[in-house]
Structure formats: structure tokens, C-alpha cells
Amino acid sequence: MAKEFWTAVRERRSLYALSKQSPISDARIQEIVEEAVKHTPSSFNSQSARLVLLLGEQHNKLWDITTEVLKGIVPANQFEPTQQKMDAFRGAYGTVLFFEDKSVIEGLQASFPSYQDKFPIWSHHTSAMHQFVVWTGLESEGLGASLQHYNPIIDEKVKAEWNLPASWSLEAQLPFGTPVAPAGEKQFKPLEERIKVFS
């Protein structure tokens, strides 16, 4: 049984210790991604989000690619912590890649020139909402995840490997799996400093 909405929102945390196990089927994971893409809002109903679900060896391949790219950037004598991160992400069950289709954004800029400087910002908002919905949806089914940003350094290799359109811009990567260790304690700033209510 999926968790109640606010429970999932509260329990969605950045989890890095993940196993190559899933409490739900691949079909259910795909369904979560599809439901998120279909029902998450976007500015001007642009529907500019594009998601890629990588499972099994395709998931492993992503983190092998990322590792090789980083080896060309990080000095060899400082690479061990980076390798440990890559091993942890590769050790998860799967990864969701979040893209935005820039051709959609450019079309909106042409159609609504008075807002053209805003559409790239709203595109980031759209992607962020998709990230949150997918992440929380996976959490509700017993999966943990963490949001990563190895874009733009892996963008071209990723698009080439999976033959993705040039107009797709990689925004984030979400490795996920069954948690094997809890998240650390989270500190909350006082709500009275963050919310104002007028009635």
C-alpha cells in the first residue's frame, strides 16, 4: 500500500546508501514515471519535461560513463572519494534522468516574446516539479533516492549513448534503490521566519 501523501512528503529525503533491490516491479516504477510526466504541471501547459528511466545494465552504463568523464577532470591522486560516490550511485537499482526540451521553450519564446526571458526560468520550475513528484512517488513505494547534477559534463555522451534528441537538455539525475541506511537528521529553520499569513 502506497504511503499517504504527507507521510511520503515528510519522509522523502536524500538517501545515498541504496541497494540493487526494489520492493516494486519495474512496471510499477515505469508507471510512477509516466503518471508524473502526465500530471505534473508546467508553465503555459508546455509539457516540456522529458524523462528517461534507466534500469539494469542501462543504469550501470550511465554511472560508468559518468565515472569515465570525471576521471578526465579530477586528478588521479584525488579521485578515490569521487570513485566511492560513483560506486554508490552504480550500486543503486535504477536512475531517472530529467530533461527539458529546449525546442518547446524556444517555440514559446517565439510565440510570446514579451515573456521570452522568463521561459527558461519557468522551464527549470517545470523540471523541479517533475523531480519532486517522481522522487516522492518512489518514496511512497519504499524506494530511496538522491538528486544529482553531473550535467552538463555528461550531457553529450548521454545523448549519444541513448540516441536522444539534441534539443533535450539534461537537468538532473535521480539514482534510486532500496535504502540500506537512514538519512541523517534534518535541521528545520523556524516556520515563522519562512511563512507570513495575512487574514
Protein backbone atom coordinates (compact mmCIF):
# COMPACT_ATOMS: atom_id res chain seq x y z
CA MET A 1 0.00 0.00 0.00
CA ALA A 2 1.44 3.36 -1.04
CA LYS A 3 2.02 5.80 1.80
CA GLU A 4 -0.37 8.66 2.49
CA PHE A 5 0.69 11.81 0.63
CA TRP A 6 2.02 13.91 3.50
CA THR A 7 3.84 10.95 5.01
CA ALA A 8 5.67 10.49 1.71
CA VAL A 9 6.46 14.22 1.52
CA ARG A 10 7.88 14.18 5.06
CA GLU A 11 9.87 11.01 4.55
CA ARG A 12 11.33 11.93 1.16
CA ARG A 13 14.98 12.53 1.95
CA SER A 14 18.34 12.36 0.19
CA LEU A 15 19.43 8.75 0.65
CA TYR A 16 22.81 7.63 -0.64
CA ALA A 17 23.14 4.10 0.78
CA LEU A 18 20.96 2.19 -1.69
CA SER A 19 20.88 -1.41 -2.85
CA LYS A 20 20.21 -3.00 -6.22
CA GLN A 21 16.85 -4.16 -4.93
CA SER A 22 13.35 -2.80 -5.43
CA PRO A 23 10.21 -3.53 -3.39
CA ILE A 24 8.10 -2.93 -6.50
CA SER A 25 8.19 -4.17 -10.08
CA ASP A 26 9.86 -2.39 -12.97
CA ALA A 27 6.40 -1.95 -14.45
CA ARG A 28 5.28 -0.08 -11.33
CA ILE A 29 8.37 2.13 -11.44
CA GLN A 30 7.59 2.95 -15.07
CA GLU A 31 4.00 3.71 -14.11
CA ILE A 32 5.17 6.20 -11.45
CA VAL A 33 7.33 7.98 -14.02
CA GLU A 34 4.51 8.03 -16.58
CA GLU A 35 1.97 9.35 -14.08
CA ALA A 36 4.39 12.09 -13.04
CA VAL A 37 5.00 13.17 -16.62
CA LYS A 38 1.30 13.15 -17.43
CA HIS A 39 0.01 15.00 -14.36
CA THR A 40 2.78 17.34 -13.16
CA PRO A 41 2.05 20.96 -14.16
CA SER A 42 4.17 23.06 -16.49
CA SER A 43 4.14 26.73 -17.44
CA PHE A 44 1.73 27.53 -20.27
CA ASN A 45 0.97 23.78 -20.22
CA SER A 46 4.19 23.47 -22.22
CA GLN A 47 4.71 19.81 -21.25
CA SER A 48 8.41 20.38 -21.88
CA ALA A 49 9.71 17.73 -19.46
CA ARG A 50 11.34 14.64 -20.94
CA LEU A 51 12.30 11.73 -18.68
CA VAL A 52 14.43 8.66 -19.28
CA LEU A 53 14.19 5.63 -16.98
CA LEU A 54 17.34 3.51 -16.83
CA LEU A 55 17.19 0.05 -15.25
CA GLY A 56 19.59 -2.88 -15.04
CA GLU A 57 22.66 -2.63 -17.23
CA GLN A 58 21.44 0.67 -18.70
CA HIS A 59 21.58 2.20 -15.21
CA ASN A 60 25.09 0.77 -14.69
CA LYS A 61 26.18 2.21 -18.02
CA LEU A 62 25.17 5.74 -17.00
CA TRP A 63 27.41 5.69 -13.94
CA ASP A 64 30.25 4.06 -15.90
CA ILE A 65 30.01 6.94 -18.39
CA THR A 66 29.93 9.50 -15.58
CA THR A 67 32.94 7.88 -13.90
CA GLU A 68 34.98 7.99 -17.12
CA VAL A 69 34.10 11.64 -17.72
CA LEU A 70 35.09 12.57 -14.17
CA LYS A 71 38.40 10.70 -14.50
CA GLY A 72 39.29 13.20 -17.20
CA ILE A 73 38.60 16.11 -14.84
CA VAL A 74 39.51 15.06 -11.30
CA PRO A 75 43.25 14.49 -10.59
CA ALA A 76 44.05 10.79 -10.18
CA ASN A 77 45.52 11.26 -6.72
CA GLN A 78 42.24 12.87 -5.56
CA PHE A 79 39.85 10.51 -7.34
CA GLU A 80 39.11 8.00 -4.57
CA PRO A 81 36.22 9.98 -2.95
CA THR A 82 34.69 10.51 -6.41
CA GLN A 83 35.04 6.80 -7.18
CA GLN A 84 33.25 5.96 -3.94
CA LYS A 85 30.34 8.22 -4.94
CA MET A 86 30.17 6.66 -8.39
CA ASP A 87 30.22 3.16 -6.89
CA ALA A 88 27.35 4.13 -4.58
CA PHE A 89 25.23 5.50 -7.41
CA ARG A 90 26.02 2.50 -9.62
CA GLY A 91 25.08 0.27 -6.70
CA ALA A 92 21.51 1.60 -6.75
CA TYR A 93 18.65 -0.10 -8.60
CA GLY A 94 17.99 2.45 -11.33
CA THR A 95 18.19 6.09 -12.37
CA VAL A 96 15.69 8.60 -13.70
CA LEU A 97 17.15 11.27 -16.00
CA PHE A 98 15.29 14.58 -16.18
CA PHE A 99 15.50 16.64 -19.36
CA GLU A 100 13.79 19.75 -20.68
CA ASP A 101 13.08 20.01 -24.41
CA LYS A 102 14.60 23.35 -25.43
CA SER A 103 12.74 23.32 -28.75
CA VAL A 104 9.49 23.66 -26.79
CA ILE A 105 10.91 26.55 -24.77
CA GLU A 106 12.17 28.28 -27.90
CA GLY A 107 8.75 27.87 -29.51
CA LEU A 108 7.11 29.58 -26.55
CA GLN A 109 9.67 32.37 -26.67
CA ALA A 110 8.80 32.97 -30.32
CA SER A 111 5.05 32.85 -29.66
CA PHE A 112 5.13 35.06 -26.54
CA PRO A 113 8.09 37.44 -26.97
CA SER A 114 7.11 39.62 -24.01
CA TYR A 115 7.88 36.62 -21.73
CA GLN A 116 10.87 35.26 -23.64
CA ASP A 117 13.35 35.89 -20.81
CA LYS A 118 11.06 34.06 -18.36
CA PHE A 119 10.53 30.79 -20.22
CA PRO A 120 13.97 29.31 -19.41
CA ILE A 121 13.34 30.07 -15.72
CA TRP A 122 9.87 28.53 -15.86
CA SER A 123 11.39 25.52 -17.60
CA HIS A 124 13.58 24.95 -14.55
CA HIS A 125 10.47 25.21 -12.37
CA THR A 126 8.76 22.58 -14.52
CA SER A 127 11.71 20.22 -14.23
CA ALA A 128 11.95 20.74 -10.48
CA MET A 129 8.29 19.82 -10.03
CA HIS A 130 8.77 16.64 -12.04
CA GLN A 131 11.82 15.77 -9.95
CA PHE A 132 9.86 16.21 -6.73
CA VAL A 133 6.84 14.23 -7.90
CA VAL A 134 8.92 11.28 -9.15
CA TRP A 135 11.14 11.32 -6.06
CA THR A 136 8.15 11.41 -3.70
CA GLY A 137 6.32 8.80 -5.74
CA LEU A 138 9.25 6.41 -5.45
CA GLU A 139 9.50 7.17 -1.71
CA SER A 140 5.83 6.31 -1.27
CA GLU A 141 6.56 2.82 -2.61
CA GLY A 142 9.56 2.15 -0.37
CA LEU A 143 12.39 3.35 -2.60
CA GLY A 144 15.04 5.89 -1.60
CA ALA A 145 16.87 8.30 -3.89
CA SER A 146 19.13 11.33 -4.12
CA LEU A 147 19.17 14.08 -6.72
CA GLN A 148 22.44 14.52 -8.63
CA HIS A 149 23.69 17.08 -11.14
CA TYR A 150 26.50 15.80 -13.33
CA ASN A 151 25.17 17.87 -16.19
CA PRO A 152 26.45 19.46 -18.34
CA ILE A 153 29.68 17.43 -18.34
CA ILE A 154 27.92 14.17 -19.26
CA ASP A 155 25.20 15.61 -21.49
CA GLU A 156 26.65 14.82 -24.92
CA LYS A 157 27.77 11.30 -24.03
CA VAL A 158 24.38 10.53 -22.51
CA LYS A 159 22.50 11.80 -25.55
CA ALA A 160 24.81 9.86 -27.85
CA GLU A 161 24.56 6.62 -25.85
CA TRP A 162 20.76 6.58 -25.81
CA ASN A 163 20.22 8.40 -29.12
CA LEU A 164 18.30 11.28 -27.55
CA PRO A 165 17.33 14.46 -29.42
CA ALA A 166 19.85 17.29 -29.46
CA SER A 167 17.18 19.66 -28.13
CA TRP A 168 16.90 17.73 -24.85
CA SER A 169 18.80 19.47 -22.06
CA LEU A 170 19.80 17.30 -19.09
CA GLU A 171 18.71 18.86 -15.80
CA ALA A 172 19.25 16.20 -13.11
CA GLN A 173 19.83 12.52 -12.34
CA LEU A 174 17.94 10.56 -9.67
CA PRO A 175 19.57 7.26 -8.69
CA PHE A 176 17.16 5.15 -6.62
CA GLY A 177 17.02 1.82 -4.82
CA THR A 178 16.04 0.19 -1.57
CA PRO A 179 17.55 2.17 1.35
CA VAL A 180 20.10 0.29 3.43
CA ALA A 181 20.84 3.17 5.84
CA PRO A 182 18.65 6.04 7.11
CA ALA A 183 19.11 9.69 6.21
CA GLY A 184 20.85 11.94 8.71
CA GLU A 185 18.96 14.26 10.98
CA LYS A 186 17.49 17.28 9.20
CA GLN A 187 17.50 20.73 10.78
CA PHE A 188 14.50 22.98 10.20
CA LYS A 189 14.57 26.77 10.35
CA PRO A 190 11.63 28.26 12.29
CA LEU A 191 8.49 28.42 10.19
CA GLU A 192 7.68 31.90 11.50
CA GLU A 193 10.79 33.11 9.66
CA ARG A 194 9.69 31.46 6.44
CA ILE A 195 5.94 31.98 6.24
CA LYS A 196 3.73 35.04 6.58
CA VAL A 197 -0.03 34.73 6.91
CA PHE A 198 -2.46 37.61 6.41
CA SER A 199 -6.19 37.17 7.03
